[in-house]
PDB file of N, CA and C in Angstrom:
ATOM      1  N   UNK A   1      91.172 -26.060 119.386  1.00  0.00           N
ATOM      2  CA  UNK A   1      90.282 -25.304 120.506  1.00  0.00           C
ATOM      3  C   UNK A   1      91.099 -24.840 121.702  1.00  0.00           C
ATOM      4  N   UNK A   2      92.051 -25.742 122.000  1.00  0.00           N
ATOM      5  CA  UNK A   2      92.732 -25.145 123.232  1.00  0.00           C
ATOM      6  C   UNK A   2      93.720 -24.024 123.058  1.00  0.00           C
ATOM      7  N   UNK A   3      94.142 -24.086 121.662  1.00  0.00           N
ATOM      8  CA  UNK A   3      95.017 -22.905 121.349  1.00  0.00           C
ATOM      9  C   UNK A   3      94.177 -21.554 121.153  1.00  0.00           C
ATOM     10  N   UNK A   4      92.811 -21.727 120.843  1.00  0.00           N
ATOM     11  CA  UNK A   4      91.919 -20.588 120.600  1.00  0.00           C
ATOM     12  C   UNK A   4      91.735 -20.039 122.029  1.00  0.00           C
ATOM     13  N   UNK A   5      91.517 -20.776 122.791  1.00  0.00           N
ATOM     14  CA  UNK A   5      91.168 -20.495 124.468  1.00  0.00           C
ATOM     15  C   UNK A   5      92.415 -19.803 124.926  1.00  0.00           C
ATOM     16  N   UNK A   6      93.375 -20.201 124.564  1.00  0.00           N
ATOM     17  CA  UNK A   6      94.896 -19.528 125.237  1.00  0.00           C
ATOM     18  C   UNK A   6      94.985 -18.113 124.555  1.00  0.00           C
ATOM     19  N   UNK A   7      94.580 -18.294 123.201  1.00  0.00           N
ATOM     20  CA  UNK A   7      94.863 -16.986 122.630  1.00  0.00           C
ATOM     21  C   UNK A   7      93.801 -15.988 123.297  1.00  0.00           C
ATOM     22  N   UNK A   8      92.657 -16.189 123.735  1.00  0.00           N
ATOM     23  CA  UNK A   8      91.691 -15.428 124.013  1.00  0.00           C
ATOM     24  C   UNK A   8      92.326 -14.938 125.407  1.00  0.00           C
ATOM     25  N   UNK A   9      92.742 -15.817 126.258  1.00  0.00           N
ATOM     26  CA  UNK A   9      93.124 -15.530 127.546  1.00  0.00           C
ATOM     27  C   UNK A   9      94.332 -14.541 127.487  1.00  0.00           C
ATOM     28  N   UNK A  10      95.280 -14.773 126.773  1.00  0.00           N
ATOM     29  CA  UNK A  10      96.269 -13.939 126.554  1.00  0.00           C
ATOM     30  C   UNK A  10      96.237 -12.646 125.894  1.00  0.00           C
ATOM     31  N   UNK A  11      95.154 -12.424 125.076  1.00  0.00           N
ATOM     32  CA  UNK A  11      94.727 -11.147 124.745  1.00  0.00           C
ATOM     33  C   UNK A  11      93.868 -10.476 125.620  1.00  0.00           C
ATOM     34  N   UNK A  12      93.241 -10.884 126.471  1.00  0.00           N
ATOM     35  CA  UNK A  12      92.377 -10.405 127.617  1.00  0.00           C
ATOM     36  C   UNK A  12      93.426  -9.953 128.725  1.00  0.00           C
ATOM     37  N   UNK A  13      94.566 -10.767 128.852  1.00  0.00           N
ATOM     38  CA  UNK A  13      95.521 -10.276 129.883  1.00  0.00           C
ATOM     39  C   UNK A  13      96.369  -9.158 129.384  1.00  0.00           C
ATOM     40  N   UNK A  14      96.536  -8.851 128.109  1.00  0.00           N
ATOM     41  CA  UNK A  14      97.654  -7.788 127.745  1.00  0.00           C
ATOM     42  C   UNK A  14      96.947  -6.752 126.961  1.00  0.00           C
ATOM     43  N   UNK A  15      95.684  -6.742 126.914  1.00  0.00           N
ATOM     44  CA  UNK A  15      94.745  -5.749 126.484  1.00  0.00           C
ATOM     45  C   UNK A  15      94.921  -4.231 126.925  1.00  0.00           C
ATOM     46  N   UNK A  16      95.356  -4.207 128.495  1.00  0.00           N
ATOM     47  CA  UNK A  16      95.414  -3.204 129.048  1.00  0.00           C
ATOM     48  C   UNK A  16      96.636  -2.215 128.510  1.00  0.00           C
ATOM     49  N   UNK A  17      97.622  -2.907 127.922  1.00  0.00           N
ATOM     50  CA  UNK A  17      98.870  -2.132 127.440  1.00  0.00           C
ATOM     51  C   UNK A  17      98.593  -1.766 126.124  1.00  0.00           C
ATOM     52  N   UNK A  18      97.234  -2.094 125.598  1.00  0.00           N
ATOM     53  CA  UNK A  18      97.169  -1.375 123.987  1.00  0.00           C
ATOM     54  C   UNK A  18      95.987  -0.389 124.208  1.00  0.00           C
ATOM     55  N   UNK A  19      95.777   0.413 124.854  1.00  0.00           N
ATOM     56  CA  UNK A  19      94.696   1.468 124.970  1.00  0.00           C
ATOM     57  C   UNK A  19      94.794   2.408 123.945  1.00  0.00           C
ATOM     58  N   UNK A  20      93.977   2.967 123.316  1.00  0.00           N
ATOM     59  CA  UNK A  20      92.569   2.549 123.319  1.00  0.00           C
ATOM     60  C   UNK A  20      91.838   1.424 122.427  1.00  0.00           C
ATOM     61  N   UNK A  21      92.999   0.931 121.651  1.00  0.00           N
ATOM     62  CA  UNK A  21      92.452  -0.115 120.662  1.00  0.00           C
ATOM     63  C   UNK A  21      92.378  -1.392 121.601  1.00  0.00           C
ATOM     64  N   UNK A  22      92.928  -1.530 122.631  1.00  0.00           N
ATOM     65  CA  UNK A  22      92.592  -2.745 123.396  1.00  0.00           C
ATOM     66  C   UNK A  22      91.474  -3.040 123.858  1.00  0.00           C
ATOM     67  N   UNK A  23      90.656  -1.966 124.143  1.00  0.00           N
ATOM     68  CA  UNK A  23      89.198  -2.124 124.631  1.00  0.00           C
ATOM     69  C   UNK A  23      88.365  -2.792 123.725  1.00  0.00           C
ATOM     70  N   UNK A  24      88.605  -2.486 122.430  1.00  0.00           N
ATOM     71  CA  UNK A  24      87.602  -3.049 121.440  1.00  0.00           C
ATOM     72  C   UNK A  24      88.422  -4.724 121.319  1.00  0.00           C
ATOM     73  N   UNK A  25      89.623  -4.849 121.340  1.00  0.00           N
ATOM     74  CA  UNK A  25      90.082  -6.211 121.281  1.00  0.00           C
ATOM     75  C   UNK A  25      89.588  -7.136 122.282  1.00  0.00           C
ATOM     76  N   UNK A  26      89.831  -6.454 123.638  1.00  0.00           N
ATOM     77  CA  UNK A  26      89.318  -7.280 124.736  1.00  0.00           C
ATOM     78  C   UNK A  26      87.879  -7.654 124.657  1.00  0.00           C
ATOM     79  N   UNK A  27      86.969  -6.753 124.303  1.00  0.00           N
ATOM     80  CA  UNK A  27      85.497  -7.084 124.020  1.00  0.00           C
ATOM     81  C   UNK A  27      85.501  -8.139 122.825  1.00  0.00           C
ATOM     82  N   UNK A  28      86.081  -8.252 121.913  1.00  0.00           N
ATOM     83  CA  UNK A  28      86.007  -9.244 120.882  1.00  0.00           C
ATOM     84  C   UNK A  28      86.585 -10.577 121.383  1.00  0.00           C
ATOM     85  N   UNK A  29      87.723 -10.405 122.147  1.00  0.00           N
ATOM     86  CA  UNK A  29      88.086 -11.724 122.622  1.00  0.00           C
ATOM     87  C   UNK A  29      87.346 -12.324 123.703  1.00  0.00           C
ATOM     88  N   UNK A  30      86.775 -11.627 124.510  1.00  0.00           N
ATOM     89  CA  UNK A  30      85.795 -12.105 125.563  1.00  0.00           C
ATOM     90  C   UNK A  30      84.502 -12.880 124.723  1.00  0.00           C
ATOM     91  N   UNK A  31      84.296 -12.000 123.929  1.00  0.00           N
ATOM     92  CA  UNK A  31      82.765 -12.587 123.117  1.00  0.00           C
ATOM     93  C   UNK A  31      83.174 -13.922 122.395  1.00  0.00           C
ATOM     94  N   UNK A  32      84.610 -14.069 121.821  1.00  0.00           N
ATOM     95  CA  UNK A  32      84.965 -15.224 121.036  1.00  0.00           C
ATOM     96  C   UNK A  32      85.243 -16.294 122.118  1.00  0.00           C
ATOM     97  N   UNK A  33      85.607 -15.975 123.287  1.00  0.00           N
ATOM     98  CA  UNK A  33      85.958 -17.131 124.135  1.00  0.00           C
ATOM     99  C   UNK A  33      84.300 -17.669 124.796  1.00  0.00           C
ATOM    100  N   UNK A  34      83.477 -16.634 125.003  1.00  0.00           N
ATOM    101  CA  UNK A  34      82.085 -17.133 125.230  1.00  0.00           C
ATOM    102  C   UNK A  34      81.624 -18.098 124.156  1.00  0.00           C
ATOM    103  N   UNK A  35      81.693 -17.690 123.181  1.00  0.00           N
ATOM    104  CA  UNK A  35      81.053 -18.452 122.164  1.00  0.00           C
ATOM    105  C   UNK A  35      81.930 -19.758 121.912  1.00  0.00           C
ATOM    106  N   UNK A  36      83.042 -19.796 121.938  1.00  0.00           N
ATOM    107  CA  UNK A  36      83.812 -21.063 121.944  1.00  0.00           C
ATOM    108  C   UNK A  36      83.299 -22.025 122.946  1.00  0.00           C
ATOM    109  N   UNK A  37      83.319 -21.504 124.242  1.00  0.00           N
ATOM    110  CA  UNK A  37      82.809 -22.559 125.328  1.00  0.00           C
ATOM    111  C   UNK A  37      81.387 -22.957 125.392  1.00  0.00           C
ATOM    112  N   UNK A  38      80.511 -22.044 124.711  1.00  0.00           N
ATOM    113  CA  UNK A  38      79.090 -22.366 124.522  1.00  0.00           C
ATOM    114  C   UNK A  38      78.941 -23.580 123.384  1.00  0.00           C
ATOM    115  N   UNK A  39      79.854 -23.346 122.430  1.00  0.00           N
ATOM    116  CA  UNK A  39      79.763 -24.213 121.138  1.00  0.00           C
ATOM    117  C   UNK A  39      80.408 -25.622 121.835  1.00  0.00           C
ATOM    118  N   UNK A  40      81.382 -25.760 122.799  1.00  0.00           N
ATOM    119  CA  UNK A  40      82.070 -26.685 123.335  1.00  0.00           C
ATOM    120  C   UNK A  40      81.033 -27.448 124.140  1.00  0.00           C
ATOM    121  N   UNK A  41      80.664 -26.977 125.095  1.00  0.00           N
ATOM    122  CA  UNK A  41      79.661 -27.557 126.042  1.00  0.00           C
ATOM    123  C   UNK A  41      78.481 -27.591 125.847  1.00  0.00           C
ATOM    124  N   UNK A  42      77.831 -26.811 124.699  1.00  0.00           N
ATOM    125  CA  UNK A  42      76.517 -27.072 124.227  1.00  0.00           C
ATOM    126  C   UNK A  42      75.417 -27.240 125.297  1.00  0.00           C
ATOM    127  N   UNK A  43      74.545 -27.927 125.407  1.00  0.00           N
ATOM    128  CA  UNK A  43      73.389 -28.192 126.201  1.00  0.00           C
ATOM    129  C   UNK A  43      73.710 -29.073 127.508  1.00  0.00           C
ATOM    130  N   UNK A  44      75.112 -29.349 127.736  1.00  0.00           N
ATOM    131  CA  UNK A  44      75.511 -29.947 128.988  1.00  0.00           C
ATOM    132  C   UNK A  44      75.126 -29.041 130.315  1.00  0.00           C
ATOM    133  N   UNK A  45      74.552 -29.543 131.349  1.00  0.00           N
ATOM    134  CA  UNK A  45      74.480 -28.984 132.530  1.00  0.00           C
ATOM    135  C   UNK A  45      75.732 -29.047 133.355  1.00  0.00           C
ATOM    136  N   UNK A  46      75.908 -28.158 134.364  1.00  0.00           N
ATOM    137  CA  UNK A  46      76.941 -28.000 135.081  1.00  0.00           C
ATOM    138  C   UNK A  46      77.139 -29.133 135.895  1.00  0.00           C
ATOM    139  N   UNK A  47      76.071 -29.686 136.447  1.00  0.00           N
ATOM    140  CA  UNK A  47      76.173 -31.139 137.049  1.00  0.00           C
ATOM    141  C   UNK A  47      76.662 -32.199 136.358  1.00  0.00           C
ATOM    142  N   UNK A  48      76.538 -32.040 134.977  1.00  0.00           N
ATOM    143  CA  UNK A  48      76.969 -33.274 134.183  1.00  0.00           C
ATOM    144  C   UNK A  48      78.373 -33.361 133.683  1.00  0.00           C
ATOM    145  N   UNK A  49      79.115 -32.166 134.031  1.00  0.00           N
ATOM    146  CA  UNK A  49      80.516 -32.076 133.521  1.00  0.00           C
ATOM    147  C   UNK A  49      81.364 -32.347 134.838  1.00  0.00           C
TER     148      UNK A  49
END
């Protein structure tokens, strides 16, 4: 899971250099990151973390 998060963050950081294909790559990386975090934290509340 940690490697997936690092991959998404690196992809979002370098997507500006891959225009115009980087825009779609960034959207997919952001979506993947959100889904990974939702799956990991699930129904936990912010106060519980």
